[in-house]
């Protein structure tokens, strides 16, 4: 009888020591979203008995990176082993689900490749930009004929980057669609992860379990409104964060932070390979044409957009405008974070995007009209501003407004604090430009050597139809010789006041002057080329 009592007492103690199995879903309380991916913090508060217990937090997204899962807690207890278990309803495991899951994995791999390609293109763009910014030190290696090729490379890099961004957006849409198909294939059920946390408590206590994890099915991107006031020469740039997530859980009443860090891009630098050079083939075609004057803006040849009135009436302008809650910026040496004020909700789903206002910048703008009549007989209104923000300005799409009117879209480049950037606000219809070929003559000069002479002349007519003065820059060019026997001269009849080799680009000419209201001027360019009669000119 005594042995039986001892046995029952031992079983009772053993049962008490085992504690309890506690299960719950927890609540998403914090989210830090990156351009590609997010770190989620989910918390669960429970009461645990004395001894050992297992706390199971269910409902973690199945695409959570299990290597990133971290567990901590608050309370009088210690945390032991943590197990991650995938749970799937039996009726959800079928051939169709496995097929879709394989497709999602393939899309994820493509996304990682495209993200790496975008990062490489960004590095290439920055390198070309550095060449332009340091052209004073590189001008001996880059002639007039070289710069168009450099700008062509920049344009091609920008084009590829845009294509890669479009491709990335398509892949994200494909992934969202496959995620929805996977949910349908599972008959309403979906696979989830469960974090099983083993704890030990010296006494019964309240415990808070925090589980953080990285997901790939969330992202954010900057978008901008750029509002130019030509009357005050001010440009207001409003930055928004567009957040998208398809984790399967709505983030309700969460603390949201948007970070510029890019954990998905990679951690190691690429390796250099051998850089080969060789002579250009004899029959290679020479690139002709003036370089782009607004490389940073990328808008010199933008199509003119139909203007849509933004304001409803003048009476609305007199009303008191509501203030916008904006994010707090925390800028570090390597990245910046935007802490969205208050607690917010971001719903899960392919068509649910949440937009948050991050910052507003009022910047003085230098206004001028620019034109390259040789390529395009339109004048483009440009605004150059100096960015003085705390954190780098991320590249993104901008909606442009000029004097309250919508005029189109543009790309804002990546801009570091203290740097300048230019946005082109479309064609200025009140500046008329016409370029004419006035002459293309060939003659023989000299008494002894008898060289060939080619004389070309052009006239550009500029008419300011504005009711106020405006600064206008006209760009043109003359050919540049690679041979001392091939001589290029600017004729004295050329309109004076130009800058030759503008921005250290050989052969590039720029006339800058202020035009009064309704003022019209002609800009004449005449140059001659003297060449040996027995040699054929290449590139003219």
Protein backbone atom coordinates (compact mmCIF):
# COMPACT_ATOMS: atom_id res chain seq x y z
CA UNK A 1 0.00 0.00 0.00
CA UNK A 2 2.84 2.40 0.87
CA UNK A 3 4.56 1.59 -2.46
CA UNK A 4 1.37 2.39 -4.38
CA UNK A 5 1.04 5.78 -2.61
CA UNK A 6 4.69 6.63 -3.40
CA UNK A 7 4.19 5.63 -7.04
CA UNK A 8 1.07 7.85 -7.38
CA UNK A 9 2.91 10.75 -5.67
CA UNK A 10 5.87 10.35 -8.08
CA UNK A 11 3.53 10.37 -11.09
CA UNK A 12 1.86 13.53 -9.71
CA UNK A 13 5.22 15.28 -9.35
CA UNK A 14 6.26 14.19 -12.85
CA UNK A 15 3.02 15.54 -14.33
CA UNK A 16 3.46 18.85 -12.52
CA UNK A 17 7.02 19.14 -13.79
CA UNK A 18 5.91 18.70 -17.38
CA UNK A 19 3.87 21.91 -17.18
CA UNK A 20 1.49 22.49 -20.10
CA UNK A 21 1.19 22.69 -23.88
CA UNK A 22 -0.02 26.19 -24.80
CA UNK A 23 -1.10 27.10 -28.34
CA UNK A 24 -1.96 30.45 -29.91
CA UNK A 25 -1.46 32.56 -33.05
CA UNK A 26 0.00 35.67 -31.53
CA UNK A 27 -0.35 39.15 -33.02
CA UNK A 28 1.82 41.03 -35.51
CA UNK A 29 2.95 44.14 -33.64
CA UNK A 30 5.91 45.47 -35.62
CA UNK A 31 7.02 45.33 -39.25
CA UNK A 32 10.22 46.66 -40.79
CA UNK A 33 9.81 46.62 -44.56
CA UNK A 34 12.72 46.73 -47.02
CA UNK A 35 12.64 47.37 -50.77
CA UNK A 36 12.47 43.58 -51.13
CA UNK A 37 11.37 41.73 -48.01
CA UNK A 38 10.38 42.51 -44.42
CA UNK A 39 11.16 41.56 -40.83
CA UNK A 40 8.00 40.82 -38.84
CA UNK A 41 7.67 40.70 -35.06
CA UNK A 42 4.80 38.69 -33.65
CA UNK A 43 4.05 38.56 -29.91
CA UNK A 44 1.93 36.27 -27.74
CA UNK A 45 1.19 36.73 -24.01
CA UNK A 46 0.30 33.59 -22.00
CA UNK A 47 0.25 32.30 -18.42
CA UNK A 48 2.62 29.39 -17.88
CA UNK A 49 2.69 27.06 -14.87
CA UNK A 50 5.69 26.07 -12.84
CA UNK A 51 8.08 23.71 -14.57
CA UNK A 52 8.59 22.88 -18.23
CA UNK A 53 6.06 23.95 -20.86
CA UNK A 54 5.77 24.13 -24.64
CA UNK A 55 4.40 27.29 -26.20
CA UNK A 56 3.33 26.88 -29.84
CA UNK A 57 2.90 30.07 -31.88
CA UNK A 58 0.92 29.10 -34.97
CA UNK A 59 0.18 30.94 -38.19
CA UNK A 60 3.64 32.09 -39.25
CA UNK A 61 3.81 32.59 -43.05
CA UNK A 62 5.08 29.57 -44.90
CA UNK A 63 7.56 31.73 -46.86
CA UNK A 64 9.24 32.93 -43.66
CA UNK A 65 12.97 32.30 -43.86
CA UNK A 66 13.43 29.70 -41.15
CA UNK A 67 17.09 30.67 -40.76
CA UNK A 68 15.99 34.17 -39.78
CA UNK A 69 13.54 33.16 -37.04
CA UNK A 70 14.54 34.54 -33.65
CA UNK A 71 12.75 34.05 -30.32
CA UNK A 72 12.99 36.04 -27.08
CA UNK A 73 10.64 36.84 -24.26
CA UNK A 74 9.77 38.80 -21.16
CA UNK A 75 8.97 37.19 -17.78
CA UNK A 76 10.44 34.98 -15.06
CA UNK A 77 11.26 31.98 -17.25
CA UNK A 78 14.05 30.62 -19.45
CA UNK A 79 13.86 29.66 -23.12
CA UNK A 80 15.21 26.34 -24.30
CA UNK A 81 15.03 24.68 -27.70
CA UNK A 82 12.91 26.18 -30.48
CA UNK A 83 11.42 23.91 -33.14
CA UNK A 84 9.88 25.09 -36.44
CA UNK A 85 7.12 22.85 -37.75
CA UNK A 86 5.22 23.19 -41.02
CA UNK A 87 1.53 22.42 -40.77
CA UNK A 88 -0.64 21.72 -43.81
CA UNK A 89 -4.22 20.45 -43.95
CA UNK A 90 -4.31 16.94 -45.41
CA UNK A 91 -6.75 17.84 -48.15
CA UNK A 92 -4.37 20.60 -49.25
CA UNK A 93 -1.52 18.26 -50.15
CA UNK A 94 -2.09 17.32 -53.77
CA UNK A 95 -0.30 17.33 -57.10
CA UNK A 96 -1.65 20.77 -58.05
CA UNK A 97 -0.34 22.30 -54.82
CA UNK A 98 3.09 20.80 -55.36
CA UNK A 99 3.10 22.11 -58.93
CA UNK A 100 2.21 25.64 -57.85
CA UNK A 101 4.70 25.55 -54.99
CA UNK A 102 7.44 24.58 -57.45
CA UNK A 103 6.44 27.51 -59.67
CA UNK A 104 6.60 29.89 -56.71
CA UNK A 105 10.09 28.63 -55.90
CA UNK A 106 11.14 29.17 -59.53
CA UNK A 107 9.73 32.72 -59.52
CA UNK A 108 11.54 33.45 -56.24
CA UNK A 109 14.81 32.41 -57.86
CA UNK A 110 14.10 34.67 -60.86
CA UNK A 111 13.31 37.55 -58.50
CA UNK A 112 16.66 37.12 -56.77
CA UNK A 113 18.47 37.10 -60.14
CA UNK A 114 16.68 40.24 -61.36
CA UNK A 115 17.35 42.00 -58.05
CA UNK A 116 21.05 41.24 -58.45
CA UNK A 117 20.97 42.50 -62.06
CA UNK A 118 19.29 45.73 -60.95
CA UNK A 119 21.99 46.23 -58.33
CA UNK A 120 24.71 45.67 -60.95
CA UNK A 121 23.08 48.14 -63.35
CA UNK A 122 22.86 50.69 -60.53
CA UNK A 123 26.61 50.30 -59.98
CA UNK A 124 27.24 50.77 -63.72
CA UNK A 125 25.06 53.88 -63.79
CA UNK A 126 26.89 55.33 -60.80
CA UNK A 127 30.24 54.62 -62.50
CA UNK A 128 29.21 56.42 -65.71
CA UNK A 129 27.84 59.30 -63.65
CA UNK A 130 31.17 59.51 -61.82
CA UNK A 131 32.95 59.78 -65.18
CA UNK A 132 30.75 62.75 -66.08
CA UNK A 133 31.17 64.38 -62.68
CA UNK A 134 34.97 63.95 -62.86
CA UNK A 135 35.28 64.84 -66.54
CA UNK A 136 37.91 67.47 -65.70
CA UNK A 137 40.29 64.61 -64.94
CA UNK A 138 39.15 62.40 -67.80
CA UNK A 139 38.80 64.91 -70.64
CA UNK A 140 42.12 63.85 -72.21
CA UNK A 141 40.73 60.34 -72.64
CA UNK A 142 37.25 61.35 -73.80
CA UNK A 143 36.89 63.45 -76.93
CA UNK A 144 33.66 64.77 -78.43
CA UNK A 145 33.29 61.51 -80.33
CA UNK A 146 33.75 59.54 -77.13
CA UNK A 147 31.16 61.24 -74.95
CA UNK A 148 28.15 60.33 -77.12
CA UNK A 149 29.18 56.69 -76.71
CA UNK A 150 29.45 57.20 -72.95
CA UNK A 151 25.99 58.80 -72.89
CA UNK A 152 24.72 56.02 -75.11
CA UNK A 153 26.00 53.53 -72.55
CA UNK A 154 24.30 55.52 -69.78
CA UNK A 155 21.04 55.57 -71.75
CA UNK A 156 21.29 51.84 -72.43
CA UNK A 157 22.04 51.15 -68.76
CA UNK A 158 19.02 53.26 -67.75
CA UNK A 159 16.86 51.48 -70.32
CA UNK A 160 17.96 48.08 -69.06
CA UNK A 161 17.36 49.16 -65.46
CA UNK A 162 13.82 50.25 -66.32
CA UNK A 163 13.23 46.97 -68.15
CA UNK A 164 14.56 45.02 -65.16
CA UNK A 165 12.30 47.02 -62.83
CA UNK A 166 9.36 46.20 -65.07
CA UNK A 167 10.41 42.57 -65.13
CA UNK A 168 10.67 42.57 -61.34
CA UNK A 169 7.16 44.04 -61.07
CA UNK A 170 5.88 41.35 -63.46
CA UNK A 171 7.54 38.61 -61.39
CA UNK A 172 6.02 40.04 -58.21
CA UNK A 173 2.59 39.99 -59.88
CA UNK A 174 3.19 36.41 -61.04
CA UNK A 175 4.13 35.45 -57.50
CA UNK A 176 1.01 37.11 -56.07
CA UNK A 177 -1.12 35.29 -58.63
CA UNK A 178 0.51 31.95 -57.85
CA UNK A 179 0.03 32.57 -54.13
CA UNK A 180 -3.69 33.10 -54.74
CA UNK A 181 -3.84 29.95 -56.90
CA UNK A 182 -2.08 28.00 -54.17
CA UNK A 183 -4.66 29.11 -51.61
CA UNK A 184 -7.48 28.04 -53.97
CA UNK A 185 -5.80 24.68 -54.69
CA UNK A 186 -5.69 23.96 -50.97
CA UNK A 187 -9.44 24.19 -50.73
CA UNK A 188 -9.37 27.12 -48.33
CA UNK A 189 -6.53 25.77 -46.23
CA UNK A 190 -2.96 27.03 -46.40
CA UNK A 191 0.39 25.87 -45.18
CA UNK A 192 1.77 27.70 -42.16
CA UNK A 193 4.73 27.46 -39.85
CA UNK A 194 4.53 26.93 -36.10
CA UNK A 195 7.27 27.99 -33.71
CA UNK A 196 7.36 25.56 -30.77
CA UNK A 197 9.19 27.20 -27.84
CA UNK A 198 10.28 25.09 -24.89
CA UNK A 199 10.37 27.10 -21.66
CA UNK A 200 11.15 26.43 -17.98
CA UNK A 201 9.60 28.51 -15.18
CA UNK A 202 10.55 28.33 -11.46
CA UNK A 203 6.98 29.37 -10.61
CA UNK A 204 3.72 30.15 -12.36
CA UNK A 205 4.09 33.43 -14.24
CA UNK A 206 2.88 35.58 -17.11
CA UNK A 207 5.09 35.27 -20.19
CA UNK A 208 5.41 37.28 -23.39
CA UNK A 209 6.95 35.47 -26.35
CA UNK A 210 8.40 37.52 -29.22
CA UNK A 211 9.04 35.78 -32.54
CA UNK A 212 10.68 37.70 -35.41
CA UNK A 213 11.24 36.42 -38.92
CA UNK A 214 12.12 37.54 -42.46
CA UNK A 215 9.59 37.19 -45.29
CA UNK A 216 10.01 37.77 -49.02
CA UNK A 217 6.35 38.47 -49.73
CA UNK A 218 6.50 42.13 -48.65
CA UNK A 219 8.18 45.19 -50.12
CA UNK A 220 8.04 48.96 -50.35
CA UNK A 221 9.00 51.49 -53.01
CA UNK A 222 9.28 55.28 -52.97
CA UNK A 223 6.98 57.38 -55.14
CA UNK A 224 7.04 61.16 -55.39
CA UNK A 225 5.00 64.23 -56.18
CA UNK A 226 7.13 67.05 -57.63
CA UNK A 227 5.25 70.36 -57.73
CA UNK A 228 6.95 73.26 -59.49
CA UNK A 229 5.75 76.82 -58.92
CA UNK A 230 7.23 78.89 -61.73
CA UNK A 231 6.06 82.14 -60.12
CA UNK A 232 8.13 81.63 -56.95
CA UNK A 233 10.81 79.33 -58.44
CA UNK A 234 10.10 76.78 -55.72
CA UNK A 235 9.73 73.02 -56.09
CA UNK A 236 8.00 70.92 -53.46
CA UNK A 237 8.97 67.25 -53.42
CA UNK A 238 6.71 64.92 -51.42
CA UNK A 239 7.99 61.40 -50.81
CA UNK A 240 5.59 58.52 -50.19
CA UNK A 241 6.22 54.91 -49.30
CA UNK A 242 4.10 52.38 -51.19
CA UNK A 243 3.86 49.16 -49.13
CA UNK A 244 2.71 45.84 -50.55
CA UNK A 245 2.49 42.52 -48.72
CA UNK A 246 1.01 39.08 -49.44
CA UNK A 247 2.02 37.20 -46.30
CA UNK A 248 -1.53 35.93 -45.76
CA UNK A 249 -1.99 37.99 -42.58
CA UNK A 250 -3.34 41.51 -42.35
CA UNK A 251 -0.98 43.67 -40.31
CA UNK A 252 -3.50 45.39 -38.04
CA UNK A 253 -2.52 48.16 -35.61
CA UNK A 254 1.22 47.66 -36.18
CA UNK A 255 4.27 49.85 -35.72
CA UNK A 256 5.62 50.26 -39.26
CA UNK A 257 9.16 51.17 -40.30
CA UNK A 258 10.37 51.50 -43.89
CA UNK A 259 14.09 50.87 -44.32
CA UNK A 260 16.41 51.57 -47.25
CA UNK A 261 18.57 48.55 -46.39
CA UNK A 262 18.60 45.81 -49.04
CA UNK A 263 19.23 42.43 -47.36
CA UNK A 264 18.08 40.59 -50.51
CA UNK A 265 20.76 42.10 -52.77
CA UNK A 266 23.70 40.23 -51.29
CA UNK A 267 26.56 40.69 -48.86
CA UNK A 268 29.71 40.32 -50.99
CA UNK A 269 31.14 42.52 -53.69
CA UNK A 270 31.40 41.19 -57.28
CA UNK A 271 34.79 40.10 -58.60
CA UNK A 272 36.58 41.88 -61.45
CA UNK A 273 37.55 39.99 -64.58
CA UNK A 274 40.20 40.86 -67.17
CA UNK A 275 39.49 44.11 -69.03
CA UNK A 276 40.45 43.63 -72.67
CA UNK A 277 40.93 46.47 -75.18
CA UNK A 278 41.73 46.44 -78.89
CA UNK A 279 41.84 48.75 -81.93
CA UNK A 280 38.56 49.73 -83.51
CA UNK A 281 37.89 48.07 -86.87
CA UNK A 282 38.68 50.25 -89.89
CA UNK A 283 35.11 50.22 -91.16
CA UNK A 284 33.47 51.01 -87.82
CA UNK A 285 30.73 53.62 -87.98
CA UNK A 286 31.42 56.81 -86.12
CA UNK A 287 28.82 57.97 -83.64
CA UNK A 288 27.50 61.40 -84.38
CA UNK A 289 25.28 63.76 -82.43
CA UNK A 290 25.42 66.05 -79.46
CA UNK A 291 25.39 64.57 -75.97
CA UNK A 292 22.36 64.76 -73.76
CA UNK A 293 22.37 67.98 -71.70
CA UNK A 294 20.20 66.65 -68.91
CA UNK A 295 21.67 63.21 -68.29
CA UNK A 296 20.54 63.24 -64.69
CA UNK A 297 17.00 64.23 -65.57
CA UNK A 298 16.46 61.85 -68.48
CA UNK A 299 13.61 64.02 -69.74
CA UNK A 300 15.03 66.15 -72.58
CA UNK A 301 13.18 64.14 -75.19
CA UNK A 302 10.09 63.49 -73.10
CA UNK A 303 6.78 63.51 -74.95
CA UNK A 304 4.57 66.47 -74.21
CA UNK A 305 1.74 65.51 -71.90
CA UNK A 306 -1.81 66.73 -71.85
CA UNK A 307 -2.34 69.08 -68.94
CA UNK A 308 -5.04 68.23 -66.44
CA UNK A 309 -6.14 70.81 -63.92
CA UNK A 310 -5.39 69.75 -60.35
CA UNK A 311 -7.29 72.37 -58.38
CA UNK A 312 -11.08 72.42 -58.52
CA UNK A 313 -11.55 76.15 -57.97
CA UNK A 314 -9.86 79.27 -56.69
CA UNK A 315 -12.08 79.10 -53.61
CA UNK A 316 -10.41 75.86 -52.54
CA UNK A 317 -7.05 77.67 -52.48
CA UNK A 318 -8.40 79.96 -49.76
CA UNK A 319 -9.43 77.08 -47.49
CA UNK A 320 -7.19 76.02 -44.60
CA UNK A 321 -5.25 72.93 -45.64
CA UNK A 322 -5.06 69.94 -43.32
CA UNK A 323 -1.67 68.90 -42.00
CA UNK A 324 -0.20 65.57 -43.07
CA UNK A 325 1.32 63.15 -40.57
CA UNK A 326 4.82 62.32 -41.78
CA UNK A 327 7.38 59.73 -40.88
CA UNK A 328 10.33 60.33 -38.58
CA UNK A 329 13.61 59.89 -40.45
CA UNK A 330 16.47 58.08 -38.70
CA UNK A 331 19.54 58.38 -40.94
CA UNK A 332 22.61 56.25 -40.31
CA UNK A 333 25.93 55.92 -42.06
CA UNK A 334 24.74 53.06 -44.28
CA UNK A 335 20.96 53.27 -44.53
CA UNK A 336 17.94 55.25 -43.40
CA UNK A 337 14.70 54.30 -41.70
CA UNK A 338 11.33 56.04 -41.93
CA UNK A 339 9.21 55.44 -38.84
CA UNK A 340 5.55 55.87 -39.80
CA UNK A 341 3.74 57.73 -37.00
CA UNK A 342 1.14 55.95 -34.88
CA UNK A 343 -0.07 52.43 -35.51
CA UNK A 344 -1.28 51.51 -38.97
CA UNK A 345 -2.90 48.67 -40.91
CA UNK A 346 -1.48 47.03 -44.02
CA UNK A 347 -3.76 44.42 -45.53
CA UNK A 348 -2.54 41.32 -47.31
CA UNK A 349 -3.47 40.77 -50.92
CA UNK A 350 -2.42 41.32 -54.51
CA UNK A 351 -4.50 44.47 -54.96
CA UNK A 352 -3.94 46.03 -51.56
CA UNK A 353 -1.23 48.69 -51.51
CA UNK A 354 -0.86 51.07 -48.58
CA UNK A 355 0.62 54.53 -49.12
CA UNK A 356 2.29 56.53 -46.37
CA UNK A 357 3.64 60.07 -46.53
CA UNK A 358 7.30 60.02 -45.52
CA UNK A 359 8.69 63.52 -46.07
CA UNK A 360 8.07 66.93 -47.66
CA UNK A 361 10.86 69.12 -49.03
CA UNK A 362 10.48 72.71 -50.23
CA UNK A 363 13.48 73.47 -52.42
CA UNK A 364 14.52 76.64 -54.28
CA UNK A 365 14.73 75.85 -57.99
CA UNK A 366 16.83 77.32 -60.76
CA UNK A 367 14.54 77.59 -63.80
CA UNK A 368 15.72 77.68 -67.38
CA UNK A 369 14.73 76.44 -70.81
CA UNK A 370 17.09 74.17 -72.73
CA UNK A 371 17.08 73.04 -76.33
CA UNK A 372 19.19 71.01 -78.73
CA UNK A 373 17.68 72.15 -82.05
CA UNK A 374 19.92 69.79 -84.03
CA UNK A 375 18.06 66.89 -82.42
CA UNK A 376 14.73 68.36 -81.28
CA UNK A 377 13.33 71.82 -82.06
CA UNK A 378 11.50 72.08 -78.74
CA UNK A 379 12.50 73.92 -75.59
CA UNK A 380 12.21 72.02 -72.32
CA UNK A 381 11.57 73.75 -69.01
CA UNK A 382 14.03 72.42 -66.44
CA UNK A 383 14.30 72.92 -62.69
CA UNK A 384 17.60 72.28 -60.95
CA UNK A 385 17.52 71.85 -57.17
CA UNK A 386 20.03 70.97 -54.46
CA UNK A 387 18.95 68.18 -52.14
CA UNK A 388 19.76 68.83 -48.46
CA UNK A 389 17.93 65.91 -46.81
CA UNK A 390 19.23 63.73 -44.00
CA UNK A 391 19.16 60.47 -45.94
CA UNK A 392 19.80 59.67 -49.61
CA UNK A 393 16.88 60.23 -51.95
CA UNK A 394 15.95 56.84 -53.39
CA UNK A 395 15.29 56.42 -57.09
CA UNK A 396 11.60 56.29 -57.91
CA UNK A 397 8.76 57.44 -60.12
CA UNK A 398 7.55 61.01 -59.73
CA UNK A 399 4.26 62.62 -60.69
CA UNK A 400 5.01 66.09 -62.06
CA UNK A 401 2.90 69.18 -61.55
CA UNK A 402 3.69 72.58 -63.04
CA UNK A 403 1.80 75.54 -61.55
CA UNK A 404 -0.93 73.22 -60.28
CA UNK A 405 -1.32 71.28 -63.53
CA UNK A 406 -0.46 67.62 -63.99
CA UNK A 407 2.02 67.25 -66.86
CA UNK A 408 3.29 63.68 -66.71
CA UNK A 409 5.68 61.26 -65.05
CA UNK A 410 9.44 61.17 -64.65
CA UNK A 411 12.14 59.24 -62.83
CA UNK A 412 13.94 60.80 -59.88
CA UNK A 413 17.48 59.40 -59.72
CA UNK A 414 19.30 58.24 -56.61
CA UNK A 415 20.54 61.47 -55.00
CA UNK A 416 22.90 61.82 -52.06
CA UNK A 417 22.56 64.70 -49.56
CA UNK A 418 24.27 67.84 -50.85
CA UNK A 419 23.97 66.79 -54.51
CA UNK A 420 22.03 68.52 -57.27
CA UNK A 421 19.54 66.95 -59.62
CA UNK A 422 17.43 68.26 -62.47
CA UNK A 423 13.86 67.50 -63.46
CA UNK A 424 12.45 68.49 -66.82
CA UNK A 425 8.85 69.64 -66.69
CA UNK A 426 8.07 69.06 -70.32
CA UNK A 427 7.92 71.18 -73.44
CA UNK A 428 7.64 74.94 -73.01
CA UNK A 429 5.13 75.87 -75.71
CA UNK A 430 5.80 79.59 -75.26
CA UNK A 431 9.32 79.28 -76.61
CA UNK A 432 9.51 78.76 -80.37
CA UNK A 433 12.70 77.39 -81.91
CA UNK A 434 13.48 76.80 -85.56
CA UNK A 435 16.79 75.55 -86.97
CA UNK A 436 17.60 75.89 -90.66
CA UNK A 437 20.50 74.76 -92.82
CA UNK A 438 21.62 77.94 -94.56
CA UNK A 439 24.47 76.53 -96.60
CA UNK A 440 26.60 73.46 -97.38
CA UNK A 441 29.29 74.51 -99.84
CA UNK A 442 32.41 72.82 -101.16
CA UNK A 443 35.32 74.71 -102.72
CA UNK A 444 39.03 74.47 -103.45
CA UNK A 445 41.41 76.78 -101.56
CA UNK A 446 45.16 77.41 -101.63
CA UNK A 447 47.64 78.15 -104.41
CA UNK A 448 50.18 75.38 -103.90
CA UNK A 449 48.51 72.70 -101.78
CA UNK A 450 44.98 73.15 -103.25
CA UNK A 451 42.93 71.77 -100.32
CA UNK A 452 39.22 71.02 -100.24
CA UNK A 453 37.10 73.32 -98.07
CA UNK A 454 33.65 72.50 -96.75
CA UNK A 455 31.60 75.39 -95.34
CA UNK A 456 28.44 74.71 -93.40
CA UNK A 457 26.11 77.29 -91.90
CA UNK A 458 23.04 77.04 -89.69
CA UNK A 459 20.58 79.53 -88.28
CA UNK A 460 18.57 78.91 -85.11
CA UNK A 461 15.72 81.34 -84.42
CA UNK A 462 14.58 81.62 -80.80
CA UNK A 463 11.38 83.46 -79.87
CA UNK A 464 10.30 84.00 -76.24
CA UNK A 465 6.51 84.32 -76.14
CA UNK A 466 6.39 84.54 -72.34
CA UNK A 467 5.26 87.74 -70.66
CA UNK A 468 8.39 87.73 -68.51
CA UNK A 469 12.10 87.20 -69.06
CA UNK A 470 13.52 83.69 -69.10
CA UNK A 471 16.99 82.23 -69.41
CA UNK A 472 17.41 79.99 -72.46
CA UNK A 473 20.30 77.66 -73.28
CA UNK A 474 20.85 76.60 -76.89
CA UNK A 475 23.23 73.72 -77.58
CA UNK A 476 24.91 72.93 -80.88
CA UNK A 477 28.20 71.45 -82.02
CA UNK A 478 31.05 71.49 -84.51
CA UNK A 479 33.01 68.43 -85.62
CA UNK A 480 36.35 67.68 -83.94
CA UNK A 481 39.35 66.55 -85.97
CA UNK A 482 41.57 63.63 -85.05
CA UNK A 483 44.22 64.59 -87.64
CA UNK A 484 46.30 67.78 -87.75
CA UNK A 485 45.85 68.01 -91.52
CA UNK A 486 42.08 68.12 -91.07
CA UNK A 487 41.37 71.64 -89.76
CA UNK A 488 38.03 72.81 -88.34
CA UNK A 489 37.43 76.52 -87.75
CA UNK A 490 34.50 78.53 -86.45
CA UNK A 491 33.77 81.38 -88.83
CA UNK A 492 33.74 84.94 -87.53
CA UNK A 493 30.15 85.34 -88.70
CA UNK A 494 29.06 82.93 -85.95
CA UNK A 495 26.96 84.59 -83.27
CA UNK A 496 29.20 85.57 -80.37
CA UNK A 497 28.67 84.83 -76.69
CA UNK A 498 28.93 81.06 -76.87
CA UNK A 499 30.91 78.75 -74.60
CA UNK A 500 33.10 76.36 -76.56
CA UNK A 501 33.81 72.84 -75.32
CA UNK A 502 31.01 73.30 -72.81
CA UNK A 503 31.42 71.13 -69.71
CA UNK A 504 34.79 70.09 -71.21
CA UNK A 505 33.05 68.21 -74.04
CA UNK A 506 35.08 68.97 -77.15
CA UNK A 507 33.10 70.56 -79.96
CA UNK A 508 30.02 71.26 -77.83
CA UNK A 509 28.81 74.87 -78.01
CA UNK A 510 26.34 76.54 -75.68
CA UNK A 511 24.70 79.95 -75.91
CA UNK A 512 23.09 81.11 -72.67
CA UNK A 513 21.25 84.38 -72.40
CA UNK A 514 18.15 85.95 -70.96
CA UNK A 515 15.35 86.66 -73.40
CA UNK A 516 12.95 89.47 -72.68
CA UNK A 517 9.20 89.07 -73.23
CA UNK A 518 8.37 88.59 -76.92
CA UNK A 519 12.05 88.89 -77.85
CA UNK A 520 13.29 87.03 -80.92
CA UNK A 521 16.92 86.39 -81.85
CA UNK A 522 18.87 84.50 -84.47
CA UNK A 523 21.85 82.35 -83.51
CA UNK A 524 24.14 81.71 -86.47
CA UNK A 525 26.71 78.94 -86.57
CA UNK A 526 29.19 78.76 -89.47
CA UNK A 527 32.23 76.52 -89.55
CA UNK A 528 34.71 75.39 -92.18
CA UNK A 529 36.60 72.14 -92.64
CA UNK A 530 39.84 72.17 -94.68
CA UNK A 531 41.07 68.76 -95.85
CA UNK A 532 43.64 67.34 -98.24
CA UNK A 533 42.18 66.67 -101.68
CA UNK A 534 43.65 63.18 -101.84
CA UNK A 535 42.07 62.01 -98.59
CA UNK A 536 38.46 61.13 -97.87
CA UNK A 537 36.84 62.60 -94.75
CA UNK A 538 35.30 60.10 -92.39
CA UNK A 539 32.42 61.15 -90.09
CA UNK A 540 31.32 64.38 -91.74
